[in-house]
Amino acid sequence: MKRVPTWRHRVVICSVLLAAYGLFLVTLAPASLIDAGLRRASHGTLRLAQAQGTLWSGGGRLEIRDASGQRGVGKDLAWALQPRALLRGQLDYRVGIGHAGGRFPVRISAQGIELSDVDFTLPAAGLGVAVPRMAPLGLQGEILVHVARFARTGALVSADAAVTWQDASSALTPVAPLGTYELRVDGTAGVLTTSLRTRSGPLQLAGGGSWQADASPAFSVTARVDAAHHAQLAPLLRLIAVERDNGDFALQFDPPLADMSRVGAPASPR
């Protein structure tokens, strides 16, 4: 007598077929699909240039590009899938950025994405590429990024990260370095909070803010210059900040930068 498959058998067969199909796609799908996804999600700001390999194992150059899509800065990127994770219904990658550091885990599942222990560096000039209005400042120094933990599940984001701008300087002022600054990012229950502090330097920056998925980010920074460097740094700060009566500067992030020709010009009478 021929046995009729039950609904449980059908579910198992369908699950196996879907898993096999998914494995087939990951194994053979070209790495260029990552570039296409980054381009759409970031409106062209993030790209994976020179993509090689497949979604299973591959590499390329992760770049931050300007509005024209031509000029940019980047780091080499490589990834490899850990096959055992497929048995848990998730994609578990080991990812490396650059050539110096080790690889860190990136886990992708139906619930979201999670990564940890990420370390890499970028030239500060990348800030001018990512934020075009800052490009005329000729930013210099090195950006150190450390992500202890980042996870996104649906609209909820949690994070524990630090971004350090080491030996920050600008081509528009002879004072160098301006300082070293650390931005901390912490988040639980879908709310990210940031805090900015100065480690060293004549230009003191302090500030913070918060961001959550259903609201616009709020972030404020106050700059303070010691008396010995005020005459040299005030013209630069007036391009990106509003000077207060007490001599401090409130940095502005929304309006465009003022005319660069004002740098070095005498301040207007107050």
Protein backbone atom coordinates (compact mmCIF):
# COMPACT_ATOMS: atom_id res chain seq x y z
CA MET A 1 0.00 0.00 0.00
CA LYS A 2 1.40 3.35 -1.03
CA ARG A 3 1.93 5.76 1.88
CA VAL A 4 0.35 9.20 1.43
CA PRO A 5 2.60 12.04 2.68
CA THR A 6 1.15 13.93 5.64
CA TRP A 7 1.19 17.70 5.91
CA ARG A 8 4.17 17.46 8.25
CA HIS A 9 6.15 15.60 5.61
CA ARG A 10 5.23 18.23 3.05
CA VAL A 11 6.41 21.01 5.38
CA VAL A 12 9.72 19.22 5.94
CA ILE A 13 10.22 18.65 2.21
CA CYS A 14 9.42 22.29 1.41
CA SER A 15 11.80 23.49 4.14
CA VAL A 16 14.62 21.33 2.81
CA LEU A 17 14.01 22.55 -0.73
CA LEU A 18 13.95 26.19 0.36
CA ALA A 19 17.15 25.74 2.39
CA ALA A 20 18.84 24.08 -0.57
CA TYR A 21 17.70 26.88 -2.87
CA GLY A 22 18.97 29.51 -0.41
CA LEU A 23 22.31 27.73 -0.14
CA PHE A 24 22.50 27.61 -3.93
CA LEU A 25 21.91 31.38 -4.16
CA VAL A 26 24.48 32.22 -1.48
CA THR A 27 27.06 29.95 -3.08
CA LEU A 28 26.68 31.21 -6.64
CA ALA A 29 25.25 34.74 -6.34
CA PRO A 30 27.94 37.28 -7.35
CA ALA A 31 29.45 39.66 -4.81
CA SER A 32 28.36 42.55 -7.04
CA LEU A 33 24.88 42.15 -5.53
CA ILE A 34 26.28 43.66 -2.32
CA ASP A 35 27.36 46.74 -4.24
CA ALA A 36 23.90 47.07 -5.75
CA GLY A 37 22.28 46.80 -2.32
CA LEU A 38 24.62 49.36 -0.75
CA ARG A 39 24.08 51.77 -3.64
CA ARG A 40 20.30 51.64 -3.27
CA ALA A 41 20.28 51.84 0.54
CA SER A 42 22.74 54.77 0.72
CA HIS A 43 21.71 56.60 -2.48
CA GLY A 44 25.19 56.03 -3.87
CA THR A 45 27.19 57.15 -0.83
CA LEU A 46 28.39 53.61 0.02
CA ARG A 47 29.77 51.35 -2.69
CA LEU A 48 31.62 48.04 -2.92
CA ALA A 49 34.12 48.64 -5.69
CA GLN A 50 36.09 45.87 -7.40
CA ALA A 51 33.70 43.26 -5.99
CA GLN A 52 34.99 39.72 -6.42
CA GLY A 53 33.73 36.27 -5.47
CA THR A 54 30.24 35.38 -4.28
CA LEU A 55 27.96 36.05 -1.35
CA TRP A 56 29.55 32.96 0.24
CA SER A 57 33.13 34.22 0.08
CA GLY A 58 34.50 37.30 -1.56
CA GLY A 59 35.98 40.74 -1.26
CA GLY A 60 36.21 44.24 -2.64
CA ARG A 61 36.81 47.82 -1.58
CA LEU A 62 34.18 49.44 0.64
CA GLU A 63 34.08 53.13 -0.31
CA ILE A 64 32.40 56.32 0.88
CA ARG A 65 31.76 58.44 -2.23
CA ASP A 66 30.79 62.03 -2.82
CA ALA A 67 27.56 63.19 -4.49
CA SER A 68 29.06 62.72 -7.97
CA GLY A 69 29.86 59.09 -7.19
CA GLN A 70 33.45 59.56 -8.36
CA ARG A 71 35.66 60.76 -5.49
CA GLY A 72 35.86 58.68 -2.35
CA VAL A 73 37.87 56.98 0.39
CA GLY A 74 37.67 53.35 1.34
CA LYS A 75 39.10 50.19 2.85
CA ASP A 76 39.54 46.68 1.56
CA LEU A 77 36.77 44.33 2.66
CA ALA A 78 36.68 40.52 2.75
CA TRP A 79 34.08 38.04 4.00
CA ALA A 80 33.53 34.30 4.36
CA LEU A 81 30.37 32.45 5.39
CA GLN A 82 30.51 29.98 8.28
CA PRO A 83 28.51 26.95 7.02
CA ARG A 84 27.40 25.68 10.45
CA ALA A 85 25.26 28.77 10.97
CA LEU A 86 22.98 27.63 8.17
CA LEU A 87 21.72 24.87 10.47
CA ARG A 88 20.49 27.62 12.84
CA GLY A 89 18.69 29.42 10.04
CA GLN A 90 21.05 32.39 9.88
CA LEU A 91 23.99 33.69 7.86
CA ASP A 92 27.12 33.92 10.00
CA TYR A 93 30.04 35.72 8.36
CA ARG A 94 33.61 36.48 9.36
CA VAL A 95 34.44 39.90 7.95
CA GLY A 96 37.74 41.76 7.71
CA ILE A 97 38.31 45.45 7.00
CA GLY A 98 41.77 46.48 5.86
CA HIS A 99 44.84 44.35 6.31
CA ALA A 100 45.86 45.11 9.90
CA GLY A 101 43.06 43.87 12.16
CA GLY A 102 41.47 40.46 12.58
CA ARG A 103 38.05 39.38 11.37
CA PHE A 104 34.84 40.08 13.26
CA PRO A 105 31.47 38.28 13.25
CA VAL A 106 28.41 39.52 11.35
CA ARG A 107 25.20 37.58 11.88
CA ILE A 108 22.18 38.02 9.61
CA SER A 109 18.84 36.39 10.32
CA ALA A 110 15.14 36.96 9.75
CA GLN A 111 15.12 39.05 12.96
CA GLY A 112 17.86 41.47 11.91
CA ILE A 113 21.62 41.94 11.91
CA GLU A 114 24.26 41.82 14.64
CA LEU A 115 28.00 42.51 14.67
CA SER A 116 30.71 42.96 17.29
CA ASP A 117 34.42 43.62 17.91
CA VAL A 118 34.90 45.85 14.85
CA ASP A 119 38.04 47.98 14.54
CA PHE A 120 39.24 50.00 11.56
CA THR A 121 40.65 53.41 10.64
CA LEU A 122 39.91 56.00 7.97
CA PRO A 123 41.55 59.30 6.98
CA ALA A 124 39.64 62.31 8.29
CA ALA A 125 39.31 63.50 4.69
CA GLY A 126 36.52 60.93 4.47
CA LEU A 127 34.34 63.25 6.57
CA GLY A 128 34.48 65.78 3.76
CA VAL A 129 33.40 63.11 1.28
CA ALA A 130 30.51 61.83 3.41
CA VAL A 131 29.41 65.37 4.39
CA PRO A 132 30.11 67.61 1.35
CA ARG A 133 29.58 70.85 3.27
CA MET A 134 32.65 69.98 5.38
CA ALA A 135 34.92 69.31 2.39
CA PRO A 136 36.14 72.95 2.07
CA LEU A 137 37.58 72.72 5.58
CA GLY A 138 40.33 70.37 4.39
CA LEU A 139 40.00 68.06 7.38
CA GLN A 140 43.04 66.03 8.38
CA GLY A 141 43.95 63.43 10.97
CA GLU A 142 42.85 59.84 11.47
CA ILE A 143 39.45 58.42 12.39
CA LEU A 144 39.54 55.31 14.62
CA VAL A 145 36.31 53.32 14.79
CA HIS A 146 35.62 50.70 17.46
CA VAL A 147 32.27 48.90 17.61
CA ALA A 148 32.00 46.64 20.64
CA ARG A 149 28.45 45.71 19.70
CA PHE A 150 25.76 46.71 17.21
CA ALA A 151 22.41 45.06 16.63
CA ARG A 152 19.28 45.96 14.73
CA THR A 153 16.05 44.04 15.13
CA GLY A 154 13.27 45.59 13.10
CA ALA A 155 13.24 49.28 14.02
CA LEU A 156 15.05 48.72 17.34
CA VAL A 157 18.78 49.49 17.42
CA SER A 158 21.26 48.83 20.21
CA ALA A 159 24.93 49.84 20.11
CA ASP A 160 28.14 50.27 22.05
CA ALA A 161 30.72 52.10 19.92
CA ALA A 162 33.38 54.80 19.98
CA VAL A 163 34.76 56.98 17.18
CA THR A 164 38.01 58.82 17.88
CA TRP A 165 39.32 61.64 15.72
CA GLN A 166 43.04 61.62 16.41
CA ASP A 167 45.22 64.69 15.76
CA ALA A 168 42.37 66.59 14.11
CA SER A 169 43.35 69.57 11.98
CA SER A 170 42.13 71.74 9.11
CA ALA A 171 43.92 73.12 6.07
CA LEU A 172 42.31 76.50 6.83
CA THR A 173 44.27 77.15 10.02
CA PRO A 174 47.97 76.89 10.95
CA VAL A 175 47.06 75.55 14.40
CA ALA A 176 47.72 71.81 14.31
CA PRO A 177 46.66 69.60 15.76
CA LEU A 178 43.42 71.14 16.96
CA GLY A 179 42.89 68.22 19.31
CA THR A 180 41.86 64.60 19.70
CA TYR A 181 38.14 63.92 20.19
CA GLU A 182 36.06 60.91 21.15
CA LEU A 183 32.41 60.34 20.23
CA ARG A 184 30.67 57.63 22.26
CA VAL A 185 27.53 55.93 20.93
CA ASP A 186 25.33 53.90 23.26
CA GLY A 187 21.87 52.59 22.66
CA THR A 188 19.21 50.34 24.12
CA ALA A 189 15.48 49.94 23.51
CA GLY A 190 15.74 51.67 20.14
CA VAL A 191 17.21 54.96 21.43
CA LEU A 192 20.80 55.91 20.56
CA THR A 193 22.60 58.45 22.74
CA THR A 194 25.87 60.16 21.83
CA SER A 195 28.43 62.07 23.87
CA LEU A 196 31.42 64.02 22.57
CA ARG A 197 34.48 64.87 24.66
CA THR A 198 37.94 66.32 24.09
CA ARG A 199 40.94 64.24 25.00
CA SER A 200 43.52 66.94 24.29
CA GLY A 201 44.14 70.09 22.26
CA PRO A 202 43.56 73.87 22.22
CA LEU A 203 40.09 73.50 20.66
CA GLN A 204 37.77 72.00 23.26
CA LEU A 205 34.62 70.28 21.97
CA ALA A 206 31.79 68.94 24.12
CA GLY A 207 28.29 67.86 23.28
CA GLY A 208 25.84 65.06 22.79
CA GLY A 209 22.43 64.07 21.56
CA SER A 210 19.99 61.28 20.91
CA TRP A 211 18.25 59.55 18.04
CA GLN A 212 15.39 57.11 17.65
CA ALA A 213 13.76 55.60 14.60
CA ASP A 214 10.57 57.67 14.62
CA ALA A 215 12.20 61.05 15.25
CA SER A 216 14.85 63.33 13.80
CA PRO A 217 18.29 63.17 15.42
CA ALA A 218 19.12 65.88 17.95
CA PHE A 219 22.79 66.75 18.42
CA SER A 220 24.52 69.85 19.75
CA VAL A 221 28.20 70.70 20.18
CA THR A 222 29.88 73.60 21.95
CA ALA A 223 33.42 74.68 21.03
CA ARG A 224 35.73 76.60 23.35
CA VAL A 225 39.16 77.96 22.43
CA ASP A 226 41.91 78.91 24.88
CA ALA A 227 42.97 82.56 24.87
CA ALA A 228 46.34 81.85 23.23
CA HIS A 229 44.71 80.48 20.05
CA HIS A 230 41.47 82.47 19.91
CA ALA A 231 42.61 84.95 17.24
CA GLN A 232 43.77 82.12 14.95
CA LEU A 233 40.80 79.78 15.37
CA ALA A 234 37.85 82.17 15.68
CA PRO A 235 37.62 82.85 11.87
CA LEU A 236 37.46 79.10 11.17
CA LEU A 237 34.83 78.50 13.84
CA ARG A 238 32.64 81.34 12.59
CA LEU A 239 32.21 79.38 9.34
CA ILE A 240 30.49 76.48 11.09
CA ALA A 241 29.31 77.93 14.40
CA VAL A 242 27.54 80.81 16.08
CA GLU A 243 29.67 82.80 18.51
CA ARG A 244 28.12 83.37 21.92
CA ASP A 245 28.60 86.35 24.20
CA ASN A 246 30.88 84.35 26.51
CA GLY A 247 33.27 83.51 23.66
CA ASP A 248 32.08 79.93 23.14
CA PHE A 249 30.83 78.69 19.77
CA ALA A 250 27.68 76.66 19.12
CA LEU A 251 28.35 74.41 16.13
CA GLN A 252 25.72 74.37 13.41
CA PHE A 253 24.95 71.19 11.44
CA ASP A 254 22.02 72.15 9.23
CA PRO A 255 22.83 75.44 7.41
CA PRO A 256 25.47 75.42 4.65
CA LEU A 257 28.97 76.61 5.44
CA ALA A 258 29.66 80.26 5.06
CA ASP A 259 31.93 81.77 2.40
CA MET A 260 35.41 80.23 2.73
CA SER A 261 36.98 83.55 1.76
CA ARG A 262 36.16 84.84 5.23
CA VAL A 263 38.83 82.65 6.80
CA GLY A 264 41.63 84.85 8.08
CA ALA A 265 39.61 88.06 7.54
CA PRO A 266 39.10 90.41 10.50
CA ALA A 267 35.96 89.81 12.47
CA SER A 268 33.16 92.28 11.90
CA PRO A 269 32.44 94.68 14.77
CA ARG A 270 29.98 93.35 17.31
